[in-house]
N, C-alpha and C. Protein backbone atom coordinates (compact mmCIF):
# COMPACT_ATOMS: atom_id res chain seq x y z
N UNK A 1 -51.14 -108.86 -31.20
CA UNK A 1 -49.84 -108.43 -30.75
C UNK A 1 -48.83 -109.56 -31.00
N UNK A 2 -47.59 -109.18 -31.11
CA UNK A 2 -46.50 -110.14 -31.25
C UNK A 2 -45.72 -110.22 -29.94
N UNK A 3 -44.96 -111.28 -29.80
CA UNK A 3 -44.10 -111.40 -28.62
C UNK A 3 -42.81 -112.12 -28.97
N UNK A 4 -41.81 -111.83 -28.17
CA UNK A 4 -40.57 -112.60 -28.16
C UNK A 4 -40.27 -112.90 -26.70
N UNK A 5 -39.92 -114.12 -26.42
CA UNK A 5 -39.55 -114.53 -25.08
C UNK A 5 -38.05 -114.75 -25.08
N UNK A 6 -37.36 -113.92 -24.31
CA UNK A 6 -35.90 -113.99 -24.20
C UNK A 6 -35.51 -114.64 -22.88
N UNK A 7 -34.29 -115.14 -22.80
CA UNK A 7 -33.70 -115.53 -21.53
C UNK A 7 -32.85 -114.35 -21.07
N UNK A 8 -33.12 -113.86 -19.85
CA UNK A 8 -32.35 -112.71 -19.37
C UNK A 8 -31.00 -113.17 -18.83
N UNK A 9 -30.24 -112.23 -18.32
CA UNK A 9 -28.87 -112.52 -17.88
C UNK A 9 -28.80 -113.45 -16.67
N UNK A 10 -29.93 -113.57 -15.95
CA UNK A 10 -29.95 -114.48 -14.80
C UNK A 10 -30.55 -115.84 -15.16
N UNK A 11 -30.90 -116.02 -16.44
CA UNK A 11 -31.45 -117.30 -16.88
C UNK A 11 -32.96 -117.38 -16.83
N UNK A 12 -33.63 -116.28 -16.50
CA UNK A 12 -35.09 -116.26 -16.39
C UNK A 12 -35.72 -115.82 -17.71
N UNK A 13 -36.91 -116.37 -18.04
CA UNK A 13 -37.59 -115.94 -19.26
C UNK A 13 -38.22 -114.56 -19.08
N UNK A 14 -38.05 -113.70 -20.10
CA UNK A 14 -38.60 -112.35 -20.07
C UNK A 14 -39.35 -112.12 -21.38
N UNK A 15 -40.68 -111.88 -21.29
CA UNK A 15 -41.45 -111.63 -22.50
C UNK A 15 -41.43 -110.16 -22.91
N UNK A 16 -41.40 -109.92 -24.20
CA UNK A 16 -41.58 -108.58 -24.77
C UNK A 16 -42.76 -108.67 -25.72
N UNK A 17 -43.76 -107.84 -25.48
CA UNK A 17 -44.96 -107.81 -26.29
C UNK A 17 -44.97 -106.49 -27.05
N UNK A 18 -45.29 -106.55 -28.34
CA UNK A 18 -45.21 -105.36 -29.17
C UNK A 18 -46.23 -105.45 -30.31
N UNK A 19 -46.52 -104.33 -30.97
CA UNK A 19 -47.55 -104.29 -32.01
C UNK A 19 -47.22 -105.15 -33.23
N UNK A 20 -48.25 -105.61 -33.90
CA UNK A 20 -48.10 -106.44 -35.10
C UNK A 20 -47.30 -105.74 -36.20
N UNK A 21 -47.37 -104.43 -36.26
CA UNK A 21 -46.69 -103.72 -37.36
C UNK A 21 -45.16 -103.75 -37.23
N UNK A 22 -44.64 -104.12 -36.07
CA UNK A 22 -43.19 -104.23 -35.85
C UNK A 22 -42.77 -105.67 -36.15
N UNK A 23 -41.74 -105.82 -36.95
CA UNK A 23 -41.23 -107.16 -37.28
C UNK A 23 -40.52 -107.77 -36.08
N UNK A 24 -40.63 -109.09 -35.97
CA UNK A 24 -39.90 -109.80 -34.91
C UNK A 24 -38.40 -109.51 -35.00
N UNK A 25 -37.86 -109.54 -36.21
CA UNK A 25 -36.41 -109.33 -36.39
C UNK A 25 -35.99 -107.93 -35.96
N UNK A 26 -36.83 -106.94 -36.26
CA UNK A 26 -36.51 -105.56 -35.86
C UNK A 26 -36.52 -105.42 -34.33
N UNK A 27 -37.49 -106.05 -33.68
CA UNK A 27 -37.54 -105.99 -32.21
C UNK A 27 -36.35 -106.74 -31.62
N UNK A 28 -36.00 -107.86 -32.21
CA UNK A 28 -34.87 -108.66 -31.73
C UNK A 28 -33.59 -107.83 -31.70
N UNK A 29 -33.39 -107.02 -32.72
CA UNK A 29 -32.18 -106.19 -32.80
C UNK A 29 -32.10 -105.16 -31.68
N UNK A 30 -33.23 -104.79 -31.10
CA UNK A 30 -33.26 -103.76 -30.06
C UNK A 30 -32.98 -104.31 -28.66
N UNK A 31 -33.02 -105.61 -28.50
CA UNK A 31 -32.92 -106.21 -27.17
C UNK A 31 -31.49 -106.64 -26.85
N UNK A 32 -31.07 -106.48 -25.60
CA UNK A 32 -29.70 -106.84 -25.23
C UNK A 32 -29.50 -108.33 -24.97
N UNK A 33 -30.59 -109.09 -24.88
CA UNK A 33 -30.48 -110.50 -24.53
C UNK A 33 -30.05 -111.33 -25.74
N UNK A 34 -29.27 -112.37 -25.49
CA UNK A 34 -28.73 -113.16 -26.60
C UNK A 34 -29.62 -114.32 -27.01
N UNK A 35 -30.32 -114.96 -26.05
CA UNK A 35 -31.06 -116.18 -26.36
C UNK A 35 -32.56 -115.91 -26.52
N UNK A 36 -33.09 -116.25 -27.69
CA UNK A 36 -34.53 -116.21 -27.94
C UNK A 36 -35.08 -117.59 -27.61
N UNK A 37 -36.02 -117.64 -26.66
CA UNK A 37 -36.62 -118.91 -26.27
C UNK A 37 -37.81 -119.27 -27.16
N UNK A 38 -38.60 -118.25 -27.54
CA UNK A 38 -39.80 -118.46 -28.34
C UNK A 38 -40.24 -117.13 -28.92
N UNK A 39 -41.10 -117.20 -29.93
CA UNK A 39 -41.66 -115.98 -30.52
C UNK A 39 -42.91 -116.35 -31.29
N UNK A 40 -43.79 -115.38 -31.42
CA UNK A 40 -45.02 -115.61 -32.17
C UNK A 40 -46.00 -114.49 -31.92
N UNK A 41 -47.27 -114.88 -31.81
CA UNK A 41 -48.36 -113.94 -31.60
C UNK A 41 -49.04 -114.26 -30.28
N UNK A 42 -49.50 -113.22 -29.59
CA UNK A 42 -50.18 -113.41 -28.31
C UNK A 42 -51.49 -112.62 -28.33
N UNK A 43 -52.53 -113.26 -27.82
CA UNK A 43 -53.85 -112.64 -27.71
C UNK A 43 -54.38 -112.88 -26.31
N UNK A 44 -55.21 -111.97 -25.85
CA UNK A 44 -55.88 -112.18 -24.57
C UNK A 44 -57.38 -112.29 -24.84
N UNK A 45 -57.96 -113.37 -24.34
CA UNK A 45 -59.40 -113.59 -24.46
C UNK A 45 -59.93 -114.01 -23.10
N UNK A 46 -60.93 -113.29 -22.65
CA UNK A 46 -61.57 -113.59 -21.37
C UNK A 46 -60.54 -113.73 -20.25
N UNK A 47 -59.56 -112.83 -20.25
CA UNK A 47 -58.57 -112.79 -19.19
C UNK A 47 -57.46 -113.82 -19.28
N UNK A 48 -57.39 -114.56 -20.39
CA UNK A 48 -56.33 -115.56 -20.55
C UNK A 48 -55.50 -115.27 -21.79
N UNK A 49 -54.20 -115.51 -21.70
CA UNK A 49 -53.30 -115.33 -22.82
C UNK A 49 -53.27 -116.60 -23.68
N UNK A 50 -53.17 -116.39 -24.99
CA UNK A 50 -53.02 -117.47 -25.95
C UNK A 50 -51.88 -117.13 -26.89
N UNK A 51 -50.95 -118.05 -27.06
CA UNK A 51 -49.79 -117.83 -27.94
C UNK A 51 -49.86 -118.82 -29.10
N UNK A 52 -49.47 -118.34 -30.29
CA UNK A 52 -49.48 -119.21 -31.46
C UNK A 52 -48.52 -118.66 -32.50
N UNK A 53 -48.31 -119.45 -33.54
CA UNK A 53 -47.48 -119.01 -34.66
C UNK A 53 -46.00 -119.08 -34.34
N UNK A 54 -45.27 -118.20 -34.99
CA UNK A 54 -43.84 -118.18 -34.79
C UNK A 54 -43.20 -117.03 -35.53
N UNK A 55 -41.89 -117.03 -35.51
CA UNK A 55 -41.09 -116.02 -36.20
C UNK A 55 -39.98 -116.76 -36.95
N UNK A 56 -40.26 -117.17 -38.18
CA UNK A 56 -39.27 -117.94 -38.94
C UNK A 56 -37.92 -117.23 -39.06
N UNK A 57 -37.96 -115.90 -39.14
CA UNK A 57 -36.71 -115.15 -39.27
C UNK A 57 -35.84 -115.27 -38.03
N UNK A 58 -36.43 -115.64 -36.90
CA UNK A 58 -35.67 -115.87 -35.66
C UNK A 58 -35.50 -117.36 -35.37
N UNK A 59 -36.04 -118.18 -36.26
CA UNK A 59 -36.05 -119.63 -36.05
C UNK A 59 -36.67 -119.98 -34.70
N UNK A 60 -37.81 -119.32 -34.41
CA UNK A 60 -38.48 -119.52 -33.13
C UNK A 60 -39.98 -119.68 -33.36
N UNK A 61 -40.61 -120.48 -32.52
CA UNK A 61 -42.05 -120.69 -32.59
C UNK A 61 -42.65 -120.51 -31.21
N UNK A 62 -43.97 -120.35 -31.19
CA UNK A 62 -44.70 -120.29 -29.92
C UNK A 62 -44.68 -121.68 -29.30
N UNK A 63 -44.60 -121.71 -27.97
CA UNK A 63 -44.59 -122.98 -27.24
C UNK A 63 -45.79 -123.04 -26.30
N UNK A 64 -46.15 -124.22 -25.87
CA UNK A 64 -47.30 -124.40 -25.00
C UNK A 64 -47.17 -123.61 -23.70
N UNK A 65 -45.97 -123.50 -23.16
CA UNK A 65 -45.78 -122.85 -21.86
C UNK A 65 -45.67 -121.32 -21.94
N UNK A 66 -45.61 -120.75 -23.13
CA UNK A 66 -45.40 -119.30 -23.26
C UNK A 66 -46.52 -118.47 -22.63
N UNK A 67 -47.76 -118.87 -22.82
CA UNK A 67 -48.88 -118.11 -22.27
C UNK A 67 -48.79 -118.03 -20.75
N UNK A 68 -48.42 -119.12 -20.10
CA UNK A 68 -48.29 -119.12 -18.64
C UNK A 68 -47.12 -118.24 -18.19
N UNK A 69 -46.04 -118.24 -18.94
CA UNK A 69 -44.88 -117.39 -18.60
C UNK A 69 -45.27 -115.92 -18.69
N UNK A 70 -45.99 -115.56 -19.76
CA UNK A 70 -46.44 -114.17 -19.92
C UNK A 70 -47.40 -113.80 -18.80
N UNK A 71 -48.37 -114.65 -18.51
CA UNK A 71 -49.33 -114.40 -17.41
C UNK A 71 -48.60 -114.19 -16.09
N UNK A 72 -47.68 -115.09 -15.77
CA UNK A 72 -46.95 -114.99 -14.51
C UNK A 72 -46.10 -113.73 -14.43
N UNK A 73 -45.57 -113.29 -15.57
CA UNK A 73 -44.79 -112.06 -15.61
C UNK A 73 -45.66 -110.87 -15.21
N UNK A 74 -46.87 -110.81 -15.75
CA UNK A 74 -47.79 -109.72 -15.41
C UNK A 74 -48.27 -109.83 -13.97
N UNK A 75 -48.53 -111.02 -13.48
CA UNK A 75 -48.97 -111.20 -12.09
C UNK A 75 -47.87 -110.83 -11.12
N UNK A 76 -46.64 -111.14 -11.47
CA UNK A 76 -45.50 -110.78 -10.62
C UNK A 76 -45.42 -109.29 -10.46
N UNK A 77 -45.61 -108.54 -11.56
CA UNK A 77 -45.55 -107.09 -11.49
C UNK A 77 -46.66 -106.53 -10.61
N UNK A 78 -47.84 -107.15 -10.60
CA UNK A 78 -48.94 -106.69 -9.74
C UNK A 78 -48.64 -106.92 -8.27
N UNK A 79 -47.92 -107.99 -7.96
CA UNK A 79 -47.63 -108.34 -6.58
C UNK A 79 -46.58 -107.43 -5.95
N UNK A 80 -45.79 -106.77 -6.76
CA UNK A 80 -44.70 -105.93 -6.23
C UNK A 80 -45.17 -104.59 -5.77
C-alpha cells in the first residue's frame, strides 16, 4: 500500500493509505490539505507498520516517525 501524510487544518498529521495502483500525485490532487509531510509505502508485518520509499513527484519521502503516526491514528480511532 502507499501512503501520504498530510498536515490537517489544525496542524495535526493525518495519514491517507491507498492501493499501489493509485499514483501519489493523483491522490494528492484529491486531498484538501496543502502540506505534505511525508509519502511512500506502508506495510504491516506482525501487527507493526513499516514505512519506506518516497514519492519523488511530491518531493516527499518516508520518515522514521511515520509508522508510529499511522499506528497512533488507528489506535485513536479504536479508542473513540
